[in-house]
N, C-alpha and C. Protein backbone atom coordinates (compact mmCIF):
# COMPACT_ATOMS: atom_id res chain seq x y z
N UNK A 1 3.79 -47.53 -14.54
CA UNK A 1 3.95 -47.50 -15.98
C UNK A 1 3.47 -46.15 -16.53
N UNK A 2 2.30 -45.70 -16.02
CA UNK A 2 1.79 -44.40 -16.48
C UNK A 2 2.75 -43.28 -16.13
N UNK A 3 3.33 -43.35 -14.96
CA UNK A 3 4.30 -42.34 -14.53
C UNK A 3 5.48 -42.28 -15.50
N UNK A 4 5.94 -43.42 -15.93
CA UNK A 4 7.05 -43.47 -16.89
C UNK A 4 6.63 -42.86 -18.23
N UNK A 5 5.40 -43.12 -18.63
CA UNK A 5 4.92 -42.59 -19.92
C UNK A 5 4.79 -41.07 -19.85
N UNK A 6 4.17 -40.59 -18.78
CA UNK A 6 3.93 -39.15 -18.64
C UNK A 6 5.24 -38.38 -18.56
N UNK A 7 6.19 -38.90 -17.83
CA UNK A 7 7.44 -38.17 -17.65
C UNK A 7 8.52 -38.56 -18.65
N UNK A 8 8.21 -39.54 -19.45
CA UNK A 8 9.19 -40.05 -20.42
C UNK A 8 10.49 -40.42 -19.72
N UNK A 9 10.34 -41.10 -18.59
CA UNK A 9 11.49 -41.48 -17.79
C UNK A 9 11.42 -42.95 -17.45
N UNK A 10 12.58 -43.58 -17.39
CA UNK A 10 12.63 -45.00 -17.03
C UNK A 10 12.78 -45.20 -15.53
N UNK A 11 13.29 -44.21 -14.81
CA UNK A 11 13.52 -44.34 -13.38
C UNK A 11 12.41 -43.65 -12.59
N UNK A 12 11.79 -44.31 -11.61
CA UNK A 12 10.74 -43.67 -10.81
C UNK A 12 11.24 -42.43 -10.08
N UNK A 13 12.48 -42.46 -9.59
CA UNK A 13 13.01 -41.29 -8.88
C UNK A 13 13.09 -40.08 -9.80
N UNK A 14 13.47 -40.32 -11.02
CA UNK A 14 13.55 -39.24 -12.00
C UNK A 14 12.16 -38.70 -12.31
N UNK A 15 11.18 -39.57 -12.39
CA UNK A 15 9.80 -39.15 -12.66
C UNK A 15 9.27 -38.30 -11.52
N UNK A 16 9.55 -38.72 -10.28
CA UNK A 16 9.11 -37.95 -9.11
C UNK A 16 9.74 -36.57 -9.12
N UNK A 17 11.00 -36.47 -9.47
CA UNK A 17 11.70 -35.18 -9.54
C UNK A 17 11.02 -34.26 -10.55
N UNK A 18 10.59 -34.81 -11.68
CA UNK A 18 9.94 -33.99 -12.71
C UNK A 18 8.56 -33.50 -12.24
N UNK A 19 7.92 -34.25 -11.35
CA UNK A 19 6.60 -33.84 -10.85
C UNK A 19 6.69 -32.82 -9.71
N UNK A 20 7.83 -32.67 -9.09
CA UNK A 20 7.95 -31.75 -7.96
C UNK A 20 7.64 -30.31 -8.36
N UNK A 21 8.15 -29.85 -9.47
CA UNK A 21 7.90 -28.47 -9.94
C UNK A 21 6.42 -28.21 -10.16
N UNK A 22 5.74 -29.04 -10.98
CA UNK A 22 4.30 -28.82 -11.17
C UNK A 22 3.49 -28.96 -9.88
N UNK A 23 3.89 -29.88 -8.99
CA UNK A 23 3.17 -30.04 -7.73
C UNK A 23 3.33 -28.80 -6.86
N UNK A 24 4.50 -28.19 -6.86
CA UNK A 24 4.73 -26.97 -6.09
C UNK A 24 3.89 -25.82 -6.66
N UNK A 25 3.83 -25.76 -7.99
CA UNK A 25 2.99 -24.72 -8.62
C UNK A 25 1.53 -24.93 -8.26
N UNK A 26 1.08 -26.17 -8.23
CA UNK A 26 -0.30 -26.49 -7.86
C UNK A 26 -0.57 -26.11 -6.41
N UNK A 27 0.38 -26.38 -5.52
CA UNK A 27 0.22 -26.02 -4.11
C UNK A 27 0.11 -24.50 -3.95
N UNK A 28 0.94 -23.77 -4.69
CA UNK A 28 0.89 -22.29 -4.62
C UNK A 28 -0.42 -21.75 -5.18
N UNK A 29 -0.91 -22.39 -6.23
CA UNK A 29 -2.19 -21.99 -6.80
C UNK A 29 -3.32 -22.21 -5.79
N UNK A 30 -3.32 -23.34 -5.10
CA UNK A 30 -4.32 -23.63 -4.06
C UNK A 30 -4.24 -22.61 -2.94
N UNK A 31 -3.02 -22.25 -2.55
CA UNK A 31 -2.82 -21.27 -1.49
C UNK A 31 -3.35 -19.90 -1.92
N UNK A 32 -3.05 -19.51 -3.16
CA UNK A 32 -3.54 -18.23 -3.68
C UNK A 32 -5.07 -18.22 -3.74
N UNK A 33 -5.65 -19.32 -4.13
CA UNK A 33 -7.12 -19.43 -4.19
C UNK A 33 -7.72 -19.26 -2.79
N UNK A 34 -7.13 -19.91 -1.80
CA UNK A 34 -7.60 -19.80 -0.41
C UNK A 34 -7.46 -18.36 0.09
N UNK A 35 -6.38 -17.73 -0.27
CA UNK A 35 -6.10 -16.35 0.12
C UNK A 35 -7.19 -15.43 -0.43
N UNK A 36 -7.50 -15.58 -1.72
CA UNK A 36 -8.52 -14.76 -2.36
C UNK A 36 -9.90 -15.03 -1.75
N UNK A 37 -10.19 -16.28 -1.47
CA UNK A 37 -11.48 -16.63 -0.84
C UNK A 37 -11.60 -15.98 0.54
N UNK A 38 -10.51 -15.95 1.29
CA UNK A 38 -10.53 -15.32 2.60
C UNK A 38 -10.76 -13.82 2.47
N UNK A 39 -10.10 -13.18 1.53
CA UNK A 39 -10.30 -11.74 1.30
C UNK A 39 -11.74 -11.45 0.89
N UNK A 40 -12.31 -12.32 0.07
CA UNK A 40 -13.71 -12.16 -0.35
C UNK A 40 -14.64 -12.30 0.86
N UNK A 41 -14.35 -13.26 1.72
CA UNK A 41 -15.17 -13.44 2.92
C UNK A 41 -15.11 -12.20 3.81
N UNK A 42 -13.93 -11.62 3.96
CA UNK A 42 -13.78 -10.40 4.76
C UNK A 42 -14.62 -9.28 4.14
N UNK A 43 -14.55 -9.11 2.83
CA UNK A 43 -15.35 -8.08 2.15
C UNK A 43 -16.84 -8.34 2.29
N UNK A 44 -17.25 -9.60 2.16
CA UNK A 44 -18.67 -9.95 2.27
C UNK A 44 -19.20 -9.67 3.68
N UNK A 45 -18.43 -10.04 4.70
CA UNK A 45 -18.86 -9.80 6.08
C UNK A 45 -18.94 -8.31 6.37
N UNK A 46 -17.99 -7.55 5.85
CA UNK A 46 -18.01 -6.10 6.03
C UNK A 46 -19.24 -5.49 5.38
N UNK A 47 -19.54 -5.90 4.16
CA UNK A 47 -20.71 -5.38 3.44
C UNK A 47 -22.00 -5.77 4.15
N UNK A 48 -22.05 -6.99 4.66
CA UNK A 48 -23.25 -7.45 5.36
C UNK A 48 -23.50 -6.63 6.63
N UNK A 49 -22.44 -6.31 7.35
CA UNK A 49 -22.58 -5.49 8.56
C UNK A 49 -23.06 -4.09 8.21
N UNK A 50 -22.48 -3.50 7.17
CA UNK A 50 -22.87 -2.15 6.76
C UNK A 50 -24.33 -2.09 6.32
N UNK A 51 -24.77 -3.16 5.67
CA UNK A 51 -26.13 -3.20 5.13
C UNK A 51 -27.18 -3.08 6.23
N UNK A 52 -26.87 -3.56 7.40
CA UNK A 52 -27.84 -3.57 8.50
C UNK A 52 -27.91 -2.26 9.27
N UNK A 53 -27.00 -1.35 8.98
CA UNK A 53 -26.96 -0.09 9.73
C UNK A 53 -27.60 1.04 8.95
N UNK A 54 -28.24 1.96 9.61
CA UNK A 54 -28.42 2.12 11.05
C UNK A 54 -29.68 1.44 11.59
N UNK A 55 -30.43 0.76 10.75
CA UNK A 55 -31.71 0.22 11.18
C UNK A 55 -31.62 -0.87 12.24
N UNK A 56 -30.67 -1.78 12.10
CA UNK A 56 -30.63 -2.94 13.00
C UNK A 56 -29.19 -3.25 13.44
N UNK A 57 -28.71 -2.56 14.47
CA UNK A 57 -27.33 -2.78 14.90
C UNK A 57 -27.10 -4.20 15.44
N UNK A 58 -28.12 -4.81 16.01
CA UNK A 58 -27.96 -6.19 16.50
C UNK A 58 -27.64 -7.13 15.34
N UNK A 59 -28.30 -6.91 14.22
CA UNK A 59 -28.06 -7.72 13.02
C UNK A 59 -26.67 -7.43 12.46
N UNK A 60 -26.23 -6.19 12.54
CA UNK A 60 -24.90 -5.82 12.05
C UNK A 60 -23.79 -6.44 12.90
N UNK A 61 -24.11 -6.71 14.16
CA UNK A 61 -23.11 -7.30 15.04
C UNK A 61 -22.79 -8.75 14.66
N UNK A 62 -23.73 -9.44 14.04
CA UNK A 62 -23.50 -10.85 13.68
C UNK A 62 -22.34 -11.00 12.69
N UNK A 63 -22.38 -10.32 11.53
CA UNK A 63 -21.21 -10.45 10.63
C UNK A 63 -19.95 -9.82 11.22
N UNK A 64 -20.12 -8.76 12.00
CA UNK A 64 -18.96 -8.16 12.65
C UNK A 64 -18.30 -9.16 13.60
N UNK A 65 -19.11 -9.88 14.37
CA UNK A 65 -18.58 -10.88 15.30
C UNK A 65 -17.86 -12.00 14.55
N UNK A 66 -18.41 -12.43 13.41
CA UNK A 66 -17.74 -13.47 12.62
C UNK A 66 -16.41 -12.96 12.08
N UNK A 67 -16.40 -11.69 11.64
CA UNK A 67 -15.17 -11.09 11.14
C UNK A 67 -14.13 -10.97 12.26
N UNK A 68 -14.57 -10.57 13.42
CA UNK A 68 -13.65 -10.46 14.57
C UNK A 68 -13.11 -11.84 14.95
N UNK A 69 -13.96 -12.86 14.92
CA UNK A 69 -13.52 -14.22 15.23
C UNK A 69 -12.50 -14.71 14.19
N UNK A 70 -12.74 -14.37 12.94
CA UNK A 70 -11.80 -14.72 11.87
C UNK A 70 -10.45 -14.07 12.13
N UNK A 71 -10.47 -12.83 12.55
CA UNK A 71 -9.23 -12.11 12.85
C UNK A 71 -8.49 -12.77 14.02
N UNK A 72 -9.23 -13.15 15.05
CA UNK A 72 -8.62 -13.81 16.20
C UNK A 72 -8.03 -15.15 15.79
N UNK A 73 -8.75 -15.90 14.97
CA UNK A 73 -8.27 -17.20 14.49
C UNK A 73 -6.98 -17.05 13.68
N UNK A 74 -6.97 -16.07 12.79
CA UNK A 74 -5.77 -15.84 11.99
C UNK A 74 -4.58 -15.49 12.87
N UNK A 75 -4.82 -14.65 13.85
CA UNK A 75 -3.74 -14.25 14.76
C UNK A 75 -3.21 -15.45 15.54
N UNK A 76 -4.11 -16.31 15.98
CA UNK A 76 -3.67 -17.48 16.76
C UNK A 76 -2.91 -18.49 15.90
N UNK A 77 -3.18 -18.48 14.60
CA UNK A 77 -2.48 -19.39 13.70
C UNK A 77 -1.11 -18.86 13.28
N UNK A 78 -0.85 -17.61 13.58
CA UNK A 78 0.44 -17.00 13.22
C UNK A 78 1.62 -17.74 13.84
N UNK A 79 1.50 -18.11 15.11
CA UNK A 79 2.60 -18.79 15.80
C UNK A 79 2.98 -20.11 15.14
N UNK A 80 2.02 -21.04 15.00
CA UNK A 80 2.35 -22.32 14.37
C UNK A 80 2.82 -22.19 12.92
N UNK A 81 2.36 -21.14 12.24
CA UNK A 81 2.74 -20.95 10.83
C UNK A 81 4.02 -20.14 10.71
N UNK A 82 4.68 -19.89 11.84
CA UNK A 82 5.93 -19.15 11.87
C UNK A 82 5.82 -17.78 11.21
N UNK A 83 4.74 -17.08 11.51
CA UNK A 83 4.55 -15.73 11.02
C UNK A 83 4.17 -15.61 9.56
N UNK A 84 3.73 -16.70 8.95
CA UNK A 84 3.36 -16.67 7.54
C UNK A 84 2.14 -15.77 7.34
N UNK A 85 2.09 -15.11 6.22
CA UNK A 85 0.98 -14.24 5.82
C UNK A 85 0.67 -13.17 6.86
N UNK A 86 1.70 -12.59 7.41
CA UNK A 86 1.51 -11.52 8.40
C UNK A 86 0.73 -10.35 7.83
N UNK A 87 0.94 -10.05 6.56
CA UNK A 87 0.21 -8.96 5.92
C UNK A 87 -1.29 -9.25 5.87
N UNK A 88 -1.67 -10.51 5.73
CA UNK A 88 -3.08 -10.89 5.71
C UNK A 88 -3.70 -10.67 7.09
N UNK A 89 -2.99 -11.08 8.12
CA UNK A 89 -3.47 -10.91 9.49
C UNK A 89 -3.63 -9.42 9.80
N UNK A 90 -2.64 -8.63 9.41
CA UNK A 90 -2.69 -7.19 9.63
C UNK A 90 -3.87 -6.57 8.88
N UNK A 91 -4.07 -6.99 7.63
CA UNK A 91 -5.17 -6.47 6.83
C UNK A 91 -6.52 -6.77 7.49
N UNK A 92 -6.72 -7.99 7.92
CA UNK A 92 -8.00 -8.38 8.54
C UNK A 92 -8.19 -7.63 9.85
N UNK A 93 -7.13 -7.50 10.65
CA UNK A 93 -7.23 -6.74 11.90
C UNK A 93 -7.65 -5.29 11.63
N UNK A 94 -7.04 -4.69 10.61
CA UNK A 94 -7.39 -3.30 10.27
C UNK A 94 -8.83 -3.19 9.80
N UNK A 95 -9.28 -4.17 9.03
CA UNK A 95 -10.67 -4.16 8.55
C UNK A 95 -11.64 -4.28 9.72
N UNK A 96 -11.31 -5.11 10.70
CA UNK A 96 -12.17 -5.25 11.89
C UNK A 96 -12.23 -3.92 12.63
N UNK A 97 -11.08 -3.31 12.84
CA UNK A 97 -11.04 -2.03 13.57
C UNK A 97 -11.77 -0.93 12.81
N UNK A 98 -11.53 -0.83 11.51
CA UNK A 98 -12.18 0.24 10.74
C UNK A 98 -13.68 0.00 10.63
N UNK A 99 -14.11 -1.26 10.54
CA UNK A 99 -15.55 -1.55 10.49
C UNK A 99 -16.19 -1.16 11.81
N UNK A 100 -15.54 -1.47 12.92
CA UNK A 100 -16.10 -1.11 14.22
C UNK A 100 -16.24 0.41 14.35
N UNK A 101 -15.21 1.14 13.95
CA UNK A 101 -15.26 2.60 14.01
C UNK A 101 -16.36 3.14 13.09
N UNK A 102 -16.49 2.55 11.92
CA UNK A 102 -17.52 2.97 10.98
C UNK A 102 -18.92 2.70 11.54
N UNK A 103 -19.10 1.54 12.14
CA UNK A 103 -20.40 1.20 12.72
C UNK A 103 -20.77 2.18 13.83
N UNK A 104 -19.79 2.49 14.70
CA UNK A 104 -20.06 3.44 15.78
C UNK A 104 -20.39 4.81 15.21
N UNK A 105 -19.66 5.22 14.18
CA UNK A 105 -19.89 6.54 13.60
C UNK A 105 -21.29 6.64 12.98
N UNK A 106 -21.69 5.61 12.25
CA UNK A 106 -23.02 5.62 11.63
C UNK A 106 -24.10 5.76 12.69
N UNK A 107 -23.98 4.98 13.74
CA UNK A 107 -25.00 5.00 14.79
C UNK A 107 -24.95 6.30 15.60
N UNK A 108 -23.77 6.78 15.89
CA UNK A 108 -23.64 8.05 16.64
C UNK A 108 -24.15 9.22 15.81
N UNK A 109 -23.84 9.21 14.52
CA UNK A 109 -24.33 10.28 13.64
C UNK A 109 -25.85 10.30 13.58
N UNK A 110 -26.46 9.12 13.55
CA UNK A 110 -27.92 9.05 13.53
C UNK A 110 -28.49 9.66 14.81
N UNK A 111 -27.92 9.30 15.95
CA UNK A 111 -28.41 9.83 17.23
C UNK A 111 -28.16 11.33 17.31
N UNK A 112 -27.01 11.78 16.84
CA UNK A 112 -26.70 13.21 16.86
C UNK A 112 -27.69 14.00 16.01
N UNK A 113 -28.08 13.44 14.87
CA UNK A 113 -29.07 14.09 14.01
C UNK A 113 -30.41 14.23 14.74
N UNK A 114 -30.80 13.18 15.43
CA UNK A 114 -32.06 13.21 16.19
C UNK A 114 -31.96 14.24 17.30
N UNK A 115 -30.83 14.31 17.98
CA UNK A 115 -30.66 15.29 19.05
C UNK A 115 -30.73 16.72 18.52
N UNK A 116 -30.13 16.94 17.37
CA UNK A 116 -30.18 18.29 16.78
C UNK A 116 -31.61 18.65 16.39
N UNK A 117 -32.33 17.69 15.87
CA UNK A 117 -33.71 17.94 15.47
C UNK A 117 -34.59 18.27 16.67
N UNK A 118 -34.27 17.69 17.82
CA UNK A 118 -35.05 17.97 19.03
C UNK A 118 -34.45 19.12 19.85
N UNK A 119 -33.44 19.77 19.27
CA UNK A 119 -32.78 20.94 19.88
C UNK A 119 -32.12 20.61 21.22
N UNK A 120 -31.48 19.47 21.29
CA UNK A 120 -30.72 19.08 22.48
C UNK A 120 -29.48 19.95 22.58
N UNK A 121 -29.06 20.42 23.69
CA UNK A 121 -29.57 20.27 25.05
C UNK A 121 -30.50 21.39 25.48
N UNK A 122 -30.76 22.35 24.59
CA UNK A 122 -31.62 23.49 24.95
C UNK A 122 -33.01 23.02 25.36
N UNK A 123 -33.49 21.99 24.72
CA UNK A 123 -34.84 21.50 25.00
C UNK A 123 -34.75 20.02 25.39
N UNK A 124 -34.33 19.77 26.60
CA UNK A 124 -34.13 18.40 27.06
C UNK A 124 -35.45 17.67 27.32
N UNK A 125 -36.53 18.40 27.34
CA UNK A 125 -37.84 17.80 27.63
C UNK A 125 -38.48 17.15 26.41
N UNK A 126 -37.93 17.32 25.23
CA UNK A 126 -38.57 16.83 24.01
C UNK A 126 -38.04 15.46 23.57
N UNK A 127 -37.92 14.58 24.53
CA UNK A 127 -37.47 13.23 24.20
C UNK A 127 -38.59 12.50 23.47
N UNK A 128 -38.24 11.95 22.31
CA UNK A 128 -39.25 11.31 21.46
C UNK A 128 -38.98 9.80 21.38
N UNK A 129 -39.87 9.11 20.72
CA UNK A 129 -39.69 7.67 20.47
C UNK A 129 -38.43 7.46 19.64
N UNK A 130 -38.24 8.32 18.63
CA UNK A 130 -37.04 8.21 17.78
C UNK A 130 -35.78 8.39 18.62
N UNK A 131 -35.82 9.34 19.54
CA UNK A 131 -34.70 9.60 20.45
C UNK A 131 -34.40 8.35 21.26
N UNK A 132 -35.43 7.77 21.86
CA UNK A 132 -35.27 6.56 22.69
C UNK A 132 -34.77 5.39 21.86
N UNK A 133 -35.30 5.25 20.64
CA UNK A 133 -34.88 4.16 19.77
C UNK A 133 -33.40 4.27 19.42
N UNK A 134 -32.95 5.47 19.08
CA UNK A 134 -31.54 5.68 18.74
C UNK A 134 -30.65 5.41 19.95
N UNK A 135 -31.07 5.86 21.11
CA UNK A 135 -30.33 5.62 22.34
C UNK A 135 -30.18 4.12 22.56
N UNK A 136 -31.28 3.40 22.42
CA UNK A 136 -31.28 1.95 22.63
C UNK A 136 -30.43 1.22 21.58
N UNK A 137 -30.50 1.68 20.32
CA UNK A 137 -29.70 1.04 19.27
C UNK A 137 -28.20 1.22 19.52
N UNK A 138 -27.82 2.38 20.03
CA UNK A 138 -26.41 2.59 20.37
C UNK A 138 -25.96 1.65 21.49
N UNK A 139 -26.83 1.45 22.46
CA UNK A 139 -26.50 0.51 23.54
C UNK A 139 -26.43 -0.92 23.00
N UNK A 140 -27.34 -1.26 22.09
CA UNK A 140 -27.30 -2.59 21.47
C UNK A 140 -25.98 -2.82 20.75
N UNK A 141 -25.54 -1.81 20.02
CA UNK A 141 -24.28 -1.91 19.29
C UNK A 141 -23.11 -2.10 20.25
N UNK A 142 -23.16 -1.44 21.38
CA UNK A 142 -22.03 -1.45 22.30
C UNK A 142 -22.06 -2.63 23.29
N UNK A 143 -23.14 -3.39 23.31
CA UNK A 143 -23.30 -4.47 24.28
C UNK A 143 -22.11 -5.42 24.34
N UNK A 144 -21.61 -5.95 23.21
CA UNK A 144 -20.46 -6.86 23.32
C UNK A 144 -19.23 -6.20 23.95
N UNK A 145 -19.02 -4.93 23.64
CA UNK A 145 -17.89 -4.21 24.20
C UNK A 145 -18.07 -4.05 25.71
N UNK A 146 -19.30 -3.83 26.15
CA UNK A 146 -19.56 -3.66 27.57
C UNK A 146 -19.33 -4.95 28.34
N UNK A 147 -19.72 -6.08 27.76
CA UNK A 147 -19.54 -7.36 28.42
C UNK A 147 -18.07 -7.76 28.51
N UNK A 148 -17.28 -7.38 27.54
CA UNK A 148 -15.87 -7.78 27.53
C UNK A 148 -14.94 -6.75 28.15
N UNK A 149 -15.47 -5.63 28.57
CA UNK A 149 -14.64 -4.54 29.11
C UNK A 149 -13.99 -4.94 30.43
N UNK A 150 -12.75 -4.59 30.59
CA UNK A 150 -12.02 -4.85 31.82
C UNK A 150 -12.12 -3.67 32.79
N UNK A 151 -12.43 -2.51 32.25
CA UNK A 151 -12.52 -1.32 33.08
C UNK A 151 -13.74 -0.50 32.67
N UNK A 152 -13.77 0.74 33.12
CA UNK A 152 -14.91 1.60 32.77
C UNK A 152 -14.95 1.89 31.26
N UNK A 153 -16.16 1.97 30.75
CA UNK A 153 -16.38 2.25 29.33
C UNK A 153 -17.38 3.40 29.23
N UNK A 154 -17.09 4.35 28.35
CA UNK A 154 -18.02 5.44 28.11
C UNK A 154 -19.14 4.92 27.22
N UNK A 155 -20.36 5.07 27.66
CA UNK A 155 -21.50 4.63 26.86
C UNK A 155 -21.63 5.54 25.64
N UNK A 156 -21.79 4.93 24.48
CA UNK A 156 -21.87 5.70 23.23
C UNK A 156 -22.97 6.75 23.25
N UNK A 157 -24.18 6.42 23.70
CA UNK A 157 -25.21 7.47 23.70
C UNK A 157 -24.85 8.64 24.61
N UNK A 158 -24.18 8.36 25.70
CA UNK A 158 -23.78 9.44 26.60
C UNK A 158 -22.68 10.29 25.97
N UNK A 159 -21.79 9.66 25.23
CA UNK A 159 -20.74 10.41 24.54
C UNK A 159 -21.34 11.37 23.53
N UNK A 160 -22.37 10.91 22.81
CA UNK A 160 -23.04 11.77 21.83
C UNK A 160 -23.78 12.89 22.53
N UNK A 161 -24.46 12.57 23.63
CA UNK A 161 -25.25 13.58 24.34
C UNK A 161 -24.37 14.65 24.99
N UNK A 162 -23.18 14.29 25.42
CA UNK A 162 -22.31 15.26 26.09
C UNK A 162 -21.45 16.07 25.12
N UNK A 163 -21.46 15.68 23.87
CA UNK A 163 -20.63 16.37 22.87
C UNK A 163 -20.87 17.89 22.84
N UNK A 164 -22.12 18.37 22.84
CA UNK A 164 -22.32 19.83 22.84
C UNK A 164 -21.74 20.51 24.08
N UNK A 165 -21.82 19.84 25.23
CA UNK A 165 -21.28 20.42 26.45
C UNK A 165 -19.75 20.51 26.38
N UNK A 166 -19.13 19.49 25.86
CA UNK A 166 -17.67 19.49 25.72
C UNK A 166 -17.24 20.60 24.76
N UNK A 167 -17.97 20.73 23.64
CA UNK A 167 -17.64 21.78 22.68
C UNK A 167 -17.80 23.16 23.30
N UNK A 168 -18.87 23.37 24.05
CA UNK A 168 -19.08 24.67 24.70
C UNK A 168 -17.99 24.95 25.72
N UNK A 169 -17.64 23.94 26.49
CA UNK A 169 -16.59 24.13 27.49
C UNK A 169 -15.28 24.51 26.82
N UNK A 170 -14.92 23.80 25.78
CA UNK A 170 -13.67 24.10 25.08
C UNK A 170 -13.70 25.50 24.48
N UNK A 171 -14.84 25.87 23.91
CA UNK A 171 -14.96 27.19 23.31
C UNK A 171 -14.77 28.29 24.35
N UNK A 172 -15.45 28.13 25.48
CA UNK A 172 -15.43 29.19 26.49
C UNK A 172 -14.17 29.19 27.35
N UNK A 173 -13.61 28.03 27.66
CA UNK A 173 -12.55 27.99 28.64
C UNK A 173 -11.19 27.54 28.12
N UNK A 174 -11.12 27.12 26.88
CA UNK A 174 -9.82 26.66 26.38
C UNK A 174 -9.41 27.41 25.13
N UNK A 175 -10.12 28.42 24.79
CA UNK A 175 -9.80 29.21 23.61
C UNK A 175 -9.05 30.47 23.98
N UNK A 176 -9.03 31.42 23.04
CA UNK A 176 -8.34 32.69 23.26
C UNK A 176 -9.25 33.77 23.82
N UNK A 177 -10.45 33.40 24.18
CA UNK A 177 -11.41 34.36 24.75
C UNK A 177 -10.97 34.76 26.15
N UNK A 178 -11.42 35.94 26.61
CA UNK A 178 -11.09 36.35 27.98
C UNK A 178 -11.56 35.32 29.02
N UNK A 179 -12.64 34.62 28.71
CA UNK A 179 -13.13 33.60 29.65
C UNK A 179 -12.23 32.37 29.65
N UNK A 180 -11.33 32.29 28.66
CA UNK A 180 -10.45 31.14 28.55
C UNK A 180 -9.15 31.30 29.33
N UNK A 181 -9.03 32.34 30.10
CA UNK A 181 -7.80 32.54 30.84
C UNK A 181 -7.66 31.50 31.95
N UNK A 182 -6.46 31.32 32.41
CA UNK A 182 -6.19 30.34 33.45
C UNK A 182 -6.99 30.65 34.71
N UNK A 183 -7.14 31.94 34.99
CA UNK A 183 -7.88 32.35 36.18
C UNK A 183 -9.34 31.90 36.07
N UNK A 184 -9.97 32.08 34.90
CA UNK A 184 -11.37 31.70 34.71
C UNK A 184 -11.55 30.20 34.81
N UNK A 185 -10.65 29.45 34.21
CA UNK A 185 -10.73 28.00 34.26
C UNK A 185 -10.61 27.51 35.68
N UNK A 186 -9.67 28.08 36.45
CA UNK A 186 -9.51 27.63 37.82
C UNK A 186 -10.72 28.00 38.67
N UNK A 187 -11.40 29.13 38.38
CA UNK A 187 -12.61 29.49 39.08
C UNK A 187 -13.70 28.47 38.83
N UNK A 188 -13.85 28.06 37.55
CA UNK A 188 -14.88 27.07 37.21
C UNK A 188 -14.59 25.74 37.86
N UNK A 189 -13.32 25.35 37.84
CA UNK A 189 -12.94 24.05 38.40
C UNK A 189 -13.05 24.04 39.92
N UNK A 190 -12.94 25.19 40.56
CA UNK A 190 -13.03 25.23 42.01
C UNK A 190 -14.48 25.13 42.50
N UNK A 191 -15.43 25.35 41.61
CA UNK A 191 -16.87 25.30 42.00
C UNK A 191 -17.33 23.95 42.36
């Protein structure tokens, strides 16, 4: 009876037809709300991870891991949903990747600053507590990557420590300097 009153219709089928449009709008509104909530969660997890760096990379890994799991879940749901919201999956994947790169950069930059302050590599004997702490924090950050690696992985602290050597090598042997000639490079490589 109420359905007839609300729709001003005598036939139940006609009343149901009139409710289909508003019900579809309501479903779309619910979907949009869920979409926005998911985007907010991605932003919140990203901010939470950033907040913990560079002081506590282990703490930063917790929201990062939740964000990565969310990305994996969204990707796995793509098949059953017939590719729905592909742009959302792509967005979350990109956020996970960019957050990981940002986290590595923050931690590597901190270690690089400490190395410069201790005049690395000219003065390799001046290893300090700060130096050791930064080295350890970089390993903490990379731990999940090390456990899941299928092949060899370059340790982040070692990549930072070898950076001056790589730069010097490129300057001396890969530039336009006389020492950069093919003959000089082959002499160095033959040693």
